[in-house]
Amino acid sequence: MGQSMLRLVQNETIKLLRRRRFLVVVLILAILIPIFTYAQYHSVVTTQERMGTTDWRPMLTQQIVDMQNRLASSRLPDEWRDLLKVRIQQQQYYLDHDINPMAPGGPTFARGFMDQAITMFLPMIIVVLAVDIVSSEFSEGTVKLLLTRPVRRWKILTSKYLTLLLFTSLTVITTLAMAYLISGVVFGYSGWTLPILTGFQIVGSELDTSGVFMLPQWQFLLMQYGLGWFVCVVVGTITFMVSVLVRSAAAGMGIMMAALISGMILTQMASSWEASKYLFNVNLELTDYLNGTLPPIAGMTLPFSLAVLSIWAIASLVVAYTVFIRRDVTA
């Protein structure tokens, strides 16, 4: 059984590589990461020129002052006001403890990149990988040949899912490696042992620092990219289900893009619809819990979001296997 499954996974890997999906993913990363690196570098240089110093303390102080000025606006929505209050307290904590939260370096860029990419960029890349992993068998007319082989259908679908997990893991590892290597050309490759604070808790709209502890940046990156991997697996699993249900890759792509984009919109508006916290696309920003950022809906926690995403993934697998095993391929 083990050898037959291994052969099936090898066969699915060859199919995926032949369709050059993973190559497309690598090219997207190779094009966009340098752009993001330049944007980050330009932002740092502009801030330093405006402040007239390279010392991070005055710059962080100015950020705090700017956010306090924004709080003075009477037109600021309550959810943004709470977010700014927490952010000010957090930045002040870093300043009081003489820790630069954004010290230059490849590891720091990789950390910031994951914070920004976990909600939309990485899930979209995983959708590109997964959207036609099953539906392509219908569009290419190979599904009858595939399902008439003397192999149980659940084994065929499992081999496809294992292949998806393999390439999802490779995508996350490649993202970390390329973010570090490319940004390091500009920012340098040091910073793995930079102290990072985590353990911030949100109580109401206030930041609780009683449980804050310090980690070297490499450990924080492992935690952060581990959460990023989990998000990618969940999005990949839901896309996997869509690929089983929809026979057109274009339709599957449209469904998943709509889901991810609506998730970004709901994250901004979620406070007015509390039930949205049970949607998978509102729970993708897992790294925010490490950073102590205010969640979209009060009361949301890391265990809650992990549980919601796990339920969505398990339900998607149940639907995918049920439909695939019972499907009439002559239809």
C-alpha atoms as a PDB file:
ATOM      1  CA  MET A   1       0.000   0.000   0.000  1.00  0.00           C
ATOM      2  CA  GLY A   2       2.804   2.400   0.914  1.00  0.00           C
ATOM      3  CA  GLN A   3       4.697   1.829  -2.333  1.00  0.00           C
ATOM      4  CA  SER A   4       1.558   2.150  -4.464  1.00  0.00           C
ATOM      5  CA  MET A   5       0.703   5.448  -2.734  1.00  0.00           C
ATOM      6  CA  LEU A   6       4.261   6.668  -3.272  1.00  0.00           C
ATOM      7  CA  ARG A   7       3.994   5.888  -6.987  1.00  0.00           C
ATOM      8  CA  LEU A   8       0.674   7.731  -7.160  1.00  0.00           C
ATOM      9  CA  VAL A   9       2.201  10.783  -5.436  1.00  0.00           C
ATOM     10  CA  GLN A  10       5.174  10.673  -7.812  1.00  0.00           C
ATOM     11  CA  ASN A  11       2.765  10.564 -10.743  1.00  0.00           C
ATOM     12  CA  GLU A  12       0.781  13.547  -9.409  1.00  0.00           C
ATOM     13  CA  THR A  13       4.017  15.461  -8.757  1.00  0.00           C
ATOM     14  CA  ILE A  14       5.073  14.947 -12.370  1.00  0.00           C
ATOM     15  CA  LYS A  15       1.649  16.163 -13.546  1.00  0.00           C
ATOM     16  CA  LEU A  16       1.867  19.304 -11.424  1.00  0.00           C
ATOM     17  CA  LEU A  17       5.411  20.066 -12.552  1.00  0.00           C
ATOM     18  CA  ARG A  18       4.416  19.485 -16.181  1.00  0.00           C
ATOM     19  CA  ARG A  19       1.680  22.092 -15.824  1.00  0.00           C
ATOM     20  CA  ARG A  20       4.414  24.430 -14.502  1.00  0.00           C
ATOM     21  CA  ARG A  21       2.247  25.732 -11.670  1.00  0.00           C
ATOM     22  CA  PHE A  22       5.095  25.692  -9.178  1.00  0.00           C
ATOM     23  CA  LEU A  23       7.361  27.446 -11.678  1.00  0.00           C
ATOM     24  CA  VAL A  24       4.738  30.182 -11.986  1.00  0.00           C
ATOM     25  CA  VAL A  25       4.695  30.508  -8.178  1.00  0.00           C
ATOM     26  CA  VAL A  26       8.496  30.847  -8.031  1.00  0.00           C
ATOM     27  CA  LEU A  27       8.450  33.444 -10.812  1.00  0.00           C
ATOM     28  CA  ILE A  28       5.766  35.462  -9.003  1.00  0.00           C
ATOM     29  CA  LEU A  29       7.906  35.465  -5.854  1.00  0.00           C
ATOM     30  CA  ALA A  30      11.050  36.316  -7.831  1.00  0.00           C
ATOM     31  CA  ILE A  31       9.324  39.341  -9.394  1.00  0.00           C
ATOM     32  CA  LEU A  32       7.350  40.698  -6.441  1.00  0.00           C
ATOM     33  CA  ILE A  33       9.806  40.245  -3.546  1.00  0.00           C
ATOM     34  CA  PRO A  34      12.412  42.587  -5.132  1.00  0.00           C
ATOM     35  CA  ILE A  35       9.614  45.133  -5.656  1.00  0.00           C
ATOM     36  CA  PHE A  36       8.573  44.867  -2.007  1.00  0.00           C
ATOM     37  CA  THR A  37      12.230  45.093  -0.957  1.00  0.00           C
ATOM     38  CA  TYR A  38      12.705  48.300  -2.929  1.00  0.00           C
ATOM     39  CA  ALA A  39       9.484  49.748  -1.507  1.00  0.00           C
ATOM     40  CA  GLN A  40      10.672  48.966   2.031  1.00  0.00           C
ATOM     41  CA  TYR A  41      14.100  50.457   1.343  1.00  0.00           C
ATOM     42  CA  HIS A  42      12.560  53.594  -0.185  1.00  0.00           C
ATOM     43  CA  SER A  43      10.274  53.974   2.842  1.00  0.00           C
ATOM     44  CA  VAL A  44      13.211  53.669   5.264  1.00  0.00           C
ATOM     45  CA  VAL A  45      15.332  56.181   3.326  1.00  0.00           C
ATOM     46  CA  THR A  46      12.449  58.652   3.044  1.00  0.00           C
ATOM     47  CA  THR A  47      11.764  58.446   6.787  1.00  0.00           C
ATOM     48  CA  GLN A  48      15.434  58.911   7.625  1.00  0.00           C
ATOM     49  CA  GLU A  49      15.690  61.953   5.343  1.00  0.00           C
ATOM     50  CA  ARG A  50      12.540  63.481   6.842  1.00  0.00           C
ATOM     51  CA  MET A  51      13.772  62.899  10.385  1.00  0.00           C
ATOM     52  CA  GLY A  52      17.365  63.835   9.598  1.00  0.00           C
ATOM     53  CA  THR A  53      18.709  60.840  11.517  1.00  0.00           C
ATOM     54  CA  THR A  54      19.255  57.085  11.217  1.00  0.00           C
ATOM     55  CA  ASP A  55      18.507  56.550  14.917  1.00  0.00           C
ATOM     56  CA  TRP A  56      15.353  54.426  15.223  1.00  0.00           C
ATOM     57  CA  ARG A  57      14.262  55.978  18.557  1.00  0.00           C
ATOM     58  CA  PRO A  58      13.260  59.430  17.222  1.00  0.00           C
ATOM     59  CA  MET A  59      11.561  57.730  14.271  1.00  0.00           C
ATOM     60  CA  LEU A  60       9.567  55.438  16.538  1.00  0.00           C
ATOM     61  CA  THR A  61       8.697  58.416  18.767  1.00  0.00           C
ATOM     62  CA  GLN A  62       7.449  60.303  15.718  1.00  0.00           C
ATOM     63  CA  GLN A  63       5.274  57.344  14.720  1.00  0.00           C
ATOM     64  CA  ILE A  64       3.707  57.398  18.167  1.00  0.00           C
ATOM     65  CA  VAL A  65       3.086  61.162  17.909  1.00  0.00           C
ATOM     66  CA  ASP A  66       1.520  60.737  14.435  1.00  0.00           C
ATOM     67  CA  MET A  67      -0.838  58.040  15.705  1.00  0.00           C
ATOM     68  CA  GLN A  68      -1.786  60.183  18.719  1.00  0.00           C
ATOM     69  CA  ASN A  69      -2.626  63.033  16.347  1.00  0.00           C
ATOM     70  CA  ARG A  70      -4.828  60.716  14.314  1.00  0.00           C
ATOM     71  CA  LEU A  71      -6.658  59.748  17.502  1.00  0.00           C
ATOM     72  CA  ALA A  72      -7.615  63.382  17.950  1.00  0.00           C
ATOM     73  CA  SER A  73      -9.787  63.217  14.824  1.00  0.00           C
ATOM     74  CA  SER A  74     -13.491  63.038  15.678  1.00  0.00           C
ATOM     75  CA  ARG A  75     -14.252  61.311  12.355  1.00  0.00           C
ATOM     76  CA  LEU A  76     -12.099  58.257  13.123  1.00  0.00           C
ATOM     77  CA  PRO A  77     -14.220  55.050  13.357  1.00  0.00           C
ATOM     78  CA  ASP A  78     -14.255  53.382  16.780  1.00  0.00           C
ATOM     79  CA  GLU A  79     -12.572  50.183  15.528  1.00  0.00           C
ATOM     80  CA  TRP A  80      -9.696  52.203  14.038  1.00  0.00           C
ATOM     81  CA  ARG A  81      -9.464  54.236  17.232  1.00  0.00           C
ATOM     82  CA  ASP A  82      -9.102  51.027  19.298  1.00  0.00           C
ATOM     83  CA  LEU A  83      -6.507  49.700  16.862  1.00  0.00           C
ATOM     84  CA  LEU A  84      -4.437  52.878  17.095  1.00  0.00           C
ATOM     85  CA  LYS A  85      -4.617  52.876  20.901  1.00  0.00           C
ATOM     86  CA  VAL A  86      -3.235  49.334  21.033  1.00  0.00           C
ATOM     87  CA  ARG A  87      -0.570  50.160  18.450  1.00  0.00           C
ATOM     88  CA  ILE A  88       0.556  53.216  20.448  1.00  0.00           C
ATOM     89  CA  GLN A  89       0.830  51.186  23.651  1.00  0.00           C
ATOM     90  CA  GLN A  90       2.805  48.509  21.833  1.00  0.00           C
ATOM     91  CA  GLN A  91       5.232  50.948  20.208  1.00  0.00           C
ATOM     92  CA  GLN A  92       5.697  52.713  23.543  1.00  0.00           C
ATOM     93  CA  TYR A  93       6.526  49.348  25.141  1.00  0.00           C
ATOM     94  CA  TYR A  94       9.267  48.766  22.563  1.00  0.00           C
ATOM     95  CA  LEU A  95      10.588  52.285  23.112  1.00  0.00           C
ATOM     96  CA  ASP A  96      10.606  51.941  26.910  1.00  0.00           C
ATOM     97  CA  HIS A  97      12.520  48.651  26.666  1.00  0.00           C
ATOM     98  CA  ASP A  98      14.998  49.990  24.086  1.00  0.00           C
ATOM     99  CA  ILE A  99      14.139  47.380  21.426  1.00  0.00           C
ATOM    100  CA  ASN A 100      14.002  48.328  17.749  1.00  0.00           C
ATOM    101  CA  PRO A 101      10.978  46.379  16.378  1.00  0.00           C
ATOM    102  CA  MET A 102      12.101  46.819  12.758  1.00  0.00           C
ATOM    103  CA  ALA A 103      15.907  46.578  12.882  1.00  0.00           C
ATOM    104  CA  PRO A 104      17.170  46.296   9.283  1.00  0.00           C
ATOM    105  CA  GLY A 105      18.112  42.873   7.993  1.00  0.00           C
ATOM    106  CA  GLY A 106      16.920  40.000   5.826  1.00  0.00           C
ATOM    107  CA  PRO A 107      15.206  38.168   8.725  1.00  0.00           C
ATOM    108  CA  THR A 108      13.288  41.308   9.715  1.00  0.00           C
ATOM    109  CA  PHE A 109      12.102  41.790   6.121  1.00  0.00           C
ATOM    110  CA  ALA A 110      11.028  38.142   5.971  1.00  0.00           C
ATOM    111  CA  ARG A 111       9.046  38.661   9.197  1.00  0.00           C
ATOM    112  CA  GLY A 112       7.312  41.774   7.873  1.00  0.00           C
ATOM    113  CA  PHE A 113       6.679  40.104   4.532  1.00  0.00           C
ATOM    114  CA  MET A 114       4.798  37.214   6.139  1.00  0.00           C
ATOM    115  CA  ASP A 115       2.694  39.637   8.198  1.00  0.00           C
ATOM    116  CA  GLN A 116       1.527  41.259   4.967  1.00  0.00           C
ATOM    117  CA  ALA A 117       1.343  38.123   2.792  1.00  0.00           C
ATOM    118  CA  ILE A 118      -0.576  35.738   5.057  1.00  0.00           C
ATOM    119  CA  THR A 119      -4.029  37.187   4.338  1.00  0.00           C
ATOM    120  CA  MET A 120      -4.035  37.526   0.547  1.00  0.00           C
ATOM    121  CA  PHE A 121      -0.719  37.050  -1.253  1.00  0.00           C
ATOM    122  CA  LEU A 122       0.234  33.539  -0.077  1.00  0.00           C
ATOM    123  CA  PRO A 123      -3.354  32.187  -0.188  1.00  0.00           C
ATOM    124  CA  MET A 124      -3.663  33.421  -3.786  1.00  0.00           C
ATOM    125  CA  ILE A 125      -0.442  31.622  -4.696  1.00  0.00           C
ATOM    126  CA  ILE A 126      -1.741  28.410  -3.124  1.00  0.00           C
ATOM    127  CA  VAL A 127      -4.978  28.809  -5.099  1.00  0.00           C
ATOM    128  CA  VAL A 128      -2.888  28.937  -8.292  1.00  0.00           C
ATOM    129  CA  LEU A 129      -1.278  25.637  -7.271  1.00  0.00           C
ATOM    130  CA  ALA A 130      -4.427  23.828  -6.171  1.00  0.00           C
ATOM    131  CA  VAL A 131      -7.281  25.129  -8.292  1.00  0.00           C
ATOM    132  CA  ASP A 132      -7.001  22.598 -11.130  1.00  0.00           C
ATOM    133  CA  ILE A 133      -5.374  19.672  -9.351  1.00  0.00           C
ATOM    134  CA  VAL A 134      -8.608  17.662  -9.805  1.00  0.00           C
ATOM    135  CA  SER A 135     -10.631  19.714 -12.287  1.00  0.00           C
ATOM    136  CA  SER A 136      -7.824  19.449 -14.876  1.00  0.00           C
ATOM    137  CA  GLU A 137      -8.607  15.725 -15.162  1.00  0.00           C
ATOM    138  CA  PHE A 138     -12.049  16.714 -16.464  1.00  0.00           C
ATOM    139  CA  SER A 139     -10.906  19.571 -18.696  1.00  0.00           C
ATOM    140  CA  GLU A 140      -8.165  17.414 -20.254  1.00  0.00           C
ATOM    141  CA  GLY A 141     -10.482  14.410 -20.624  1.00  0.00           C
ATOM    142  CA  THR A 142      -8.264  12.080 -18.572  1.00  0.00           C
ATOM    143  CA  VAL A 143     -10.698  11.487 -15.718  1.00  0.00           C
ATOM    144  CA  LYS A 144     -12.229   8.313 -17.179  1.00  0.00           C
ATOM    145  CA  LEU A 145      -8.813   6.785 -17.761  1.00  0.00           C
ATOM    146  CA  LEU A 146      -7.772   7.793 -14.243  1.00  0.00           C
ATOM    147  CA  LEU A 147     -10.814   6.330 -12.496  1.00  0.00           C
ATOM    148  CA  THR A 148     -10.948   3.091 -14.508  1.00  0.00           C
ATOM    149  CA  ARG A 149      -7.506   2.084 -13.246  1.00  0.00           C
ATOM    150  CA  PRO A 150      -7.454  -0.755 -10.650  1.00  0.00           C
ATOM    151  CA  VAL A 151      -6.889   1.767  -7.832  1.00  0.00           C
ATOM    152  CA  ARG A 152      -9.494   2.856  -5.320  1.00  0.00           C
ATOM    153  CA  ARG A 153     -10.779   6.355  -5.806  1.00  0.00           C
ATOM    154  CA  TRP A 154      -9.892   7.463  -2.285  1.00  0.00           C
ATOM    155  CA  LYS A 155      -6.274   6.522  -2.955  1.00  0.00           C
ATOM    156  CA  ILE A 156      -6.228   8.613  -6.121  1.00  0.00           C
ATOM    157  CA  LEU A 157      -7.670  11.619  -4.311  1.00  0.00           C
ATOM    158  CA  THR A 158      -5.331  11.115  -1.340  1.00  0.00           C
ATOM    159  CA  SER A 159      -2.300  11.102  -3.647  1.00  0.00           C
ATOM    160  CA  LYS A 160      -3.448  14.405  -5.122  1.00  0.00           C
ATOM    161  CA  TYR A 161      -3.942  15.905  -1.657  1.00  0.00           C
ATOM    162  CA  LEU A 162      -0.545  14.697  -0.420  1.00  0.00           C
ATOM    163  CA  THR A 163       1.053  16.237  -3.513  1.00  0.00           C
ATOM    164  CA  LEU A 164      -0.724  19.497  -2.757  1.00  0.00           C
ATOM    165  CA  LEU A 165       0.576  19.437   0.844  1.00  0.00           C
ATOM    166  CA  LEU A 166       4.098  18.797  -0.452  1.00  0.00           C
ATOM    167  CA  PHE A 167       4.058  21.772  -2.815  1.00  0.00           C
ATOM    168  CA  THR A 168       2.322  23.972  -0.249  1.00  0.00           C
ATOM    169  CA  SER A 169       5.193  23.293   2.145  1.00  0.00           C
ATOM    170  CA  LEU A 170       7.734  23.962  -0.613  1.00  0.00           C
ATOM    171  CA  THR A 171       5.991  27.261  -1.392  1.00  0.00           C
ATOM    172  CA  VAL A 172       6.218  28.490   2.207  1.00  0.00           C
ATOM    173  CA  ILE A 173       9.878  27.430   2.506  1.00  0.00           C
ATOM    174  CA  THR A 174      10.685  29.065  -0.842  1.00  0.00           C
ATOM    175  CA  THR A 175       8.948  32.265   0.275  1.00  0.00           C
ATOM    176  CA  LEU A 176      11.080  32.469   3.430  1.00  0.00           C
ATOM    177  CA  ALA A 177      14.298  31.656   1.566  1.00  0.00           C
ATOM    178  CA  MET A 178      13.700  34.156  -1.246  1.00  0.00           C
ATOM    179  CA  ALA A 179      12.502  36.918   1.101  1.00  0.00           C
ATOM    180  CA  TYR A 180      15.671  36.502   3.168  1.00  0.00           C
ATOM    181  CA  LEU A 181      18.140  36.103   0.297  1.00  0.00           C
ATOM    182  CA  ILE A 182      16.783  38.891  -1.924  1.00  0.00           C
ATOM    183  CA  SER A 183      16.177  41.478   0.817  1.00  0.00           C
ATOM    184  CA  GLY A 184      19.544  40.648   2.388  1.00  0.00           C
ATOM    185  CA  VAL A 185      21.274  42.173  -0.624  1.00  0.00           C
ATOM    186  CA  VAL A 186      19.861  45.544   0.464  1.00  0.00           C
ATOM    187  CA  PHE A 187      19.419  45.216   4.234  1.00  0.00           C
ATOM    188  CA  GLY A 188      22.128  42.697   5.097  1.00  0.00           C
ATOM    189  CA  TYR A 189      21.801  39.123   6.304  1.00  0.00           C
ATOM    190  CA  SER A 190      22.158  39.665  10.045  1.00  0.00           C
ATOM    191  CA  GLY A 191      19.378  39.810  12.618  1.00  0.00           C
ATOM    192  CA  TRP A 192      18.560  36.163  13.353  1.00  0.00           C
ATOM    193  CA  THR A 193      19.188  36.701  17.088  1.00  0.00           C
ATOM    194  CA  LEU A 194      17.443  40.094  17.278  1.00  0.00           C
ATOM    195  CA  PRO A 195      15.146  40.081  20.364  1.00  0.00           C
ATOM    196  CA  ILE A 196      11.461  40.052  19.422  1.00  0.00           C
ATOM    197  CA  LEU A 197       8.661  40.625  21.908  1.00  0.00           C
ATOM    198  CA  THR A 198       5.554  38.458  21.791  1.00  0.00           C
ATOM    199  CA  GLY A 199       2.819  37.379  24.200  1.00  0.00           C
ATOM    200  CA  PHE A 200       0.805  40.607  23.969  1.00  0.00           C
ATOM    201  CA  GLN A 201      -2.819  40.117  25.026  1.00  0.00           C
ATOM    202  CA  ILE A 202      -5.795  42.268  24.051  1.00  0.00           C
ATOM    203  CA  VAL A 203      -8.246  42.940  26.884  1.00  0.00           C
ATOM    204  CA  GLY A 204     -11.155  44.909  25.508  1.00  0.00           C
ATOM    205  CA  SER A 205      -9.381  47.652  23.582  1.00  0.00           C
ATOM    206  CA  GLU A 206      -6.359  47.735  25.883  1.00  0.00           C
ATOM    207  CA  LEU A 207      -2.993  46.032  25.491  1.00  0.00           C
ATOM    208  CA  ASP A 208      -2.026  43.674  28.326  1.00  0.00           C
ATOM    209  CA  THR A 209       1.765  43.330  28.549  1.00  0.00           C
ATOM    210  CA  SER A 210       1.886  41.155  31.671  1.00  0.00           C
ATOM    211  CA  GLY A 211       2.550  38.016  29.623  1.00  0.00           C
ATOM    212  CA  VAL A 212       5.076  39.515  27.216  1.00  0.00           C
ATOM    213  CA  PHE A 213       8.291  37.568  26.733  1.00  0.00           C
ATOM    214  CA  MET A 214      11.316  37.840  24.464  1.00  0.00           C
ATOM    215  CA  LEU A 215      12.391  35.481  21.680  1.00  0.00           C
ATOM    216  CA  PRO A 216      15.308  35.512  19.254  1.00  0.00           C
ATOM    217  CA  GLN A 217      14.021  36.400  15.808  1.00  0.00           C
ATOM    218  CA  TRP A 218      14.751  32.963  14.312  1.00  0.00           C
ATOM    219  CA  GLN A 219      12.354  31.341  16.800  1.00  0.00           C
ATOM    220  CA  PHE A 220       9.718  33.983  16.091  1.00  0.00           C
ATOM    221  CA  LEU A 221      10.124  33.326  12.352  1.00  0.00           C
ATOM    222  CA  LEU A 222       9.586  29.596  12.893  1.00  0.00           C
ATOM    223  CA  MET A 223       6.361  30.324  14.771  1.00  0.00           C
ATOM    224  CA  GLN A 224       5.246  32.892  12.209  1.00  0.00           C
ATOM    225  CA  TYR A 225       5.954  30.804   9.109  1.00  0.00           C
ATOM    226  CA  GLY A 226       4.440  27.787  10.846  1.00  0.00           C
ATOM    227  CA  LEU A 227       1.186  29.727  11.175  1.00  0.00           C
ATOM    228  CA  GLY A 228       1.580  30.864   7.562  1.00  0.00           C
ATOM    229  CA  TRP A 229       1.965  27.222   6.509  1.00  0.00           C
ATOM    230  CA  PHE A 230      -1.211  26.291   8.404  1.00  0.00           C
ATOM    231  CA  VAL A 231      -3.168  29.067   6.668  1.00  0.00           C
ATOM    232  CA  CYS A 232      -1.847  27.902   3.287  1.00  0.00           C
ATOM    233  CA  VAL A 233      -2.846  24.297   4.049  1.00  0.00           C
ATOM    234  CA  VAL A 234      -6.377  25.368   4.992  1.00  0.00           C
ATOM    235  CA  VAL A 235      -6.797  27.564   1.891  1.00  0.00           C
ATOM    236  CA  GLY A 236      -5.285  24.790  -0.240  1.00  0.00           C
ATOM    237  CA  THR A 237      -7.708  22.245   1.238  1.00  0.00           C
ATOM    238  CA  ILE A 238     -10.732  24.457   0.541  1.00  0.00           C
ATOM    239  CA  THR A 239      -9.446  25.050  -3.000  1.00  0.00           C
ATOM    240  CA  PHE A 240      -8.954  21.282  -3.309  1.00  0.00           C
ATOM    241  CA  MET A 241     -12.649  20.799  -2.506  1.00  0.00           C
ATOM    242  CA  VAL A 242     -13.635  23.446  -5.055  1.00  0.00           C
ATOM    243  CA  SER A 243     -11.463  21.681  -7.647  1.00  0.00           C
ATOM    244  CA  VAL A 244     -13.479  18.495  -7.022  1.00  0.00           C
ATOM    245  CA  LEU A 245     -16.847  20.255  -7.151  1.00  0.00           C
ATOM    246  CA  VAL A 246     -16.180  22.514 -10.157  1.00  0.00           C
ATOM    247  CA  ARG A 247     -14.920  21.029 -13.402  1.00  0.00           C
ATOM    248  CA  SER A 248     -13.553  24.329 -14.712  1.00  0.00           C
ATOM    249  CA  ALA A 249     -10.292  25.729 -13.360  1.00  0.00           C
ATOM    250  CA  ALA A 250     -11.404  29.245 -14.312  1.00  0.00           C
ATOM    251  CA  ALA A 251     -14.615  28.890 -12.296  1.00  0.00           C
ATOM    252  CA  GLY A 252     -12.682  27.495  -9.344  1.00  0.00           C
ATOM    253  CA  MET A 253     -10.219  30.379  -9.526  1.00  0.00           C
ATOM    254  CA  GLY A 254     -13.084  32.880  -9.573  1.00  0.00           C
ATOM    255  CA  ILE A 255     -14.754  31.291  -6.546  1.00  0.00           C
ATOM    256  CA  MET A 256     -11.571  31.316  -4.457  1.00  0.00           C
ATOM    257  CA  MET A 257     -10.545  34.832  -5.499  1.00  0.00           C
ATOM    258  CA  ALA A 258     -14.005  36.100  -4.539  1.00  0.00           C
ATOM    259  CA  ALA A 259     -13.739  34.325  -1.173  1.00  0.00           C
ATOM    260  CA  LEU A 260     -10.301  35.772  -0.388  1.00  0.00           C
ATOM    261  CA  ILE A 261     -11.156  39.302  -1.508  1.00  0.00           C
ATOM    262  CA  SER A 262     -14.426  39.278   0.441  1.00  0.00           C
ATOM    263  CA  GLY A 263     -12.409  38.133   3.450  1.00  0.00           C
ATOM    264  CA  MET A 264     -10.273  41.271   3.267  1.00  0.00           C
ATOM    265  CA  ILE A 265     -13.400  43.418   3.074  1.00  0.00           C
ATOM    266  CA  LEU A 266     -15.074  41.573   5.944  1.00  0.00           C
ATOM    267  CA  THR A 267     -11.954  41.926   8.085  1.00  0.00           C
ATOM    268  CA  GLN A 268     -12.315  45.693   7.811  1.00  0.00           C
ATOM    269  CA  MET A 269     -16.069  45.600   8.500  1.00  0.00           C
ATOM    270  CA  ALA A 270     -16.323  42.509  10.707  1.00  0.00           C
ATOM    271  CA  SER A 271     -17.016  44.375  13.927  1.00  0.00           C
ATOM    272  CA  SER A 272     -20.540  45.132  12.674  1.00  0.00           C
ATOM    273  CA  TRP A 273     -21.273  41.445  11.909  1.00  0.00           C
ATOM    274  CA  GLU A 274     -20.099  39.264  14.768  1.00  0.00           C
ATOM    275  CA  ALA A 275     -21.167  35.984  13.121  1.00  0.00           C
ATOM    276  CA  SER A 276     -18.528  36.543  10.415  1.00  0.00           C
ATOM    277  CA  LYS A 277     -15.872  35.315  12.869  1.00  0.00           C
ATOM    278  CA  TYR A 278     -16.917  31.772  11.900  1.00  0.00           C
ATOM    279  CA  LEU A 279     -15.909  32.328   8.255  1.00  0.00           C
ATOM    280  CA  PHE A 280     -12.494  30.982   7.295  1.00  0.00           C
ATOM    281  CA  ASN A 281     -11.484  34.133   5.398  1.00  0.00           C
ATOM    282  CA  VAL A 282     -11.870  36.328   8.506  1.00  0.00           C
ATOM    283  CA  ASN A 283      -9.481  34.104  10.479  1.00  0.00           C
ATOM    284  CA  LEU A 284      -6.464  34.095   8.153  1.00  0.00           C
ATOM    285  CA  GLU A 285      -4.397  36.777   9.911  1.00  0.00           C
ATOM    286  CA  LEU A 286      -2.943  34.382  12.471  1.00  0.00           C
ATOM    287  CA  THR A 287       0.365  36.242  12.772  1.00  0.00           C
ATOM    288  CA  ASP A 288      -1.521  39.226  14.220  1.00  0.00           C
ATOM    289  CA  TYR A 289      -1.966  37.238  17.424  1.00  0.00           C
ATOM    290  CA  LEU A 290       1.830  36.938  17.746  1.00  0.00           C
ATOM    291  CA  ASN A 291       2.208  40.681  17.198  1.00  0.00           C
ATOM    292  CA  GLY A 292      -0.535  41.688  19.617  1.00  0.00           C
ATOM    293  CA  THR A 293      -2.705  43.332  16.979  1.00  0.00           C
ATOM    294  CA  LEU A 294      -6.387  43.959  17.692  1.00  0.00           C
ATOM    295  CA  PRO A 295      -8.456  41.096  16.150  1.00  0.00           C
ATOM    296  CA  PRO A 296     -11.248  41.871  13.634  1.00  0.00           C
ATOM    297  CA  ILE A 297     -13.874  40.973  16.253  1.00  0.00           C
ATOM    298  CA  ALA A 298     -13.440  41.422  19.994  1.00  0.00           C
ATOM    299  CA  GLY A 299     -12.893  38.130  21.773  1.00  0.00           C
ATOM    300  CA  MET A 300     -11.241  36.308  18.869  1.00  0.00           C
ATOM    301  CA  THR A 301      -8.115  34.435  19.975  1.00  0.00           C
ATOM    302  CA  LEU A 302      -5.449  32.282  18.343  1.00  0.00           C
ATOM    303  CA  PRO A 303      -6.995  28.975  19.572  1.00  0.00           C
ATOM    304  CA  PHE A 304     -10.406  30.127  18.300  1.00  0.00           C
ATOM    305  CA  SER A 305      -9.074  30.978  14.822  1.00  0.00           C
ATOM    306  CA  LEU A 306      -7.085  27.730  14.648  1.00  0.00           C
ATOM    307  CA  ALA A 307     -10.227  25.782  15.577  1.00  0.00           C
ATOM    308  CA  VAL A 308     -12.391  27.578  12.988  1.00  0.00           C
ATOM    309  CA  LEU A 309      -9.827  27.020  10.228  1.00  0.00           C
ATOM    310  CA  SER A 310      -9.399  23.356  11.210  1.00  0.00           C
ATOM    311  CA  ILE A 311     -13.162  22.759  11.039  1.00  0.00           C
ATOM    312  CA  TRP A 312     -13.314  24.355   7.584  1.00  0.00           C
ATOM    313  CA  ALA A 313     -10.421  22.196   6.375  1.00  0.00           C
ATOM    314  CA  ILE A 314     -11.907  18.955   7.756  1.00  0.00           C
ATOM    315  CA  ALA A 315     -15.348  19.760   6.334  1.00  0.00           C
ATOM    316  CA  SER A 316     -13.787  20.516   2.945  1.00  0.00           C
ATOM    317  CA  LEU A 317     -11.991  17.159   2.925  1.00  0.00           C
ATOM    318  CA  VAL A 318     -15.199  15.311   3.851  1.00  0.00           C
ATOM    319  CA  VAL A 319     -17.097  16.997   1.002  1.00  0.00           C
ATOM    320  CA  ALA A 320     -14.247  16.445  -1.478  1.00  0.00           C
ATOM    321  CA  TYR A 321     -13.913  12.717  -0.724  1.00  0.00           C
ATOM    322  CA  THR A 322     -17.682  12.136  -0.639  1.00  0.00           C
ATOM    323  CA  VAL A 323     -18.270  13.801  -4.015  1.00  0.00           C
ATOM    324  CA  PHE A 324     -15.215  12.316  -5.720  1.00  0.00           C
ATOM    325  CA  ILE A 325     -15.912   8.741  -4.607  1.00  0.00           C
ATOM    326  CA  ARG A 326     -19.601   8.863  -5.594  1.00  0.00           C
ATOM    327  CA  ARG A 327     -19.248  10.868  -8.812  1.00  0.00           C
ATOM    328  CA  ASP A 328     -20.471   9.330 -12.047  1.00  0.00           C
ATOM    329  CA  VAL A 329     -17.666   9.999 -14.526  1.00  0.00           C
ATOM    330  CA  THR A 330     -19.933   9.314 -17.504  1.00  0.00           C
ATOM    331  CA  ALA A 331     -21.982  12.375 -16.587  1.00  0.00           C
END
